[in-house]
């Protein structure tokens, strides 16, 4: 099918299944839902290259092909083998994909939190029949304790009670510290919970983080020193995330290494918006952690892998 210019794309926003990428068609015009492993593909219906899939035209004629995966390691989950590039749902709450021996998953259920508020003094999460995900409901409480239960979030003011249409003014902002980065090297995720929003609702907030690149050359320690705490790369670099690259280059501080068995992790950090550009031409922004200071300690993740550890060390501050 020949390309026509100027591009004419559907006015409705594209809705793709969870875990499916949105990619440009062969004309570079419109976003389409990427085809997955084993599905039919064409120039107008490309495969999900983020998962290492490509369109093989040798098996089917008339301009159609089938999505195949590049050579890669299989994944073993609870005794079941998945092929490289294969998407699967181990439970109704998770959508996963096998990528060269590693399994990545996204949650299909919202994990938001909800504190009492004037319009919902007794929120409760319940499991409905025939529904996978739990949902929040508001239980009706007595008028006498309607605002007492909301005092965990709203300032106590004896002169007047919080009004439903003035939530943010009466909101007592509560924010937890950022969690440790999910990866000891390379791009990871750090999270916290905050109610600093117009609804004064407790929600999970995430940011990208990089303690150190996985191929970062460690400097030799000076004589008498056991740790290199916050080395900088010699040249500026672009951050890579999900196949996209930061539009600006940075010289961030990273956490170094210790020679006496201790671990080196972020201690003081700041958060800033970083803009990324994707091969399809899209731009998006993500919050990202920037290290100000690292500290050395013996509370190390087991095998230097944060997912295998009973490791809950937190960064003490976020200085903007």
Foldseek 3Di string as FASTA:
>chain_A
DDDDPPADDDPDDDDDPPPWDWFAALVLHDTDTADAAFDKAASRRAHRCLQQWGFDDPPDDDRIGGIDHDDADWEADPRDIGDRRDWDDPDPQWIWHHHRHDIDIDGPEFPWAFAADLVALAWDWDDDPPDDYTDIDGDDDDPVCSQVSVCVFFPDDVVDGDDPQQRQVGTDKDKDFWWFFQALAAKGKIKIWILNDRNSTITIAMFIEGQYHPPDDADDDDPPDFADAWDWDPDWAWHDDSQWTFPDTGTATHGHQGDPQWGKGAAEWAKDKTWIAHPSGDIDIGIHIGGDTIDTDNQAAVVNRVVRGPGTDGHDDYDD
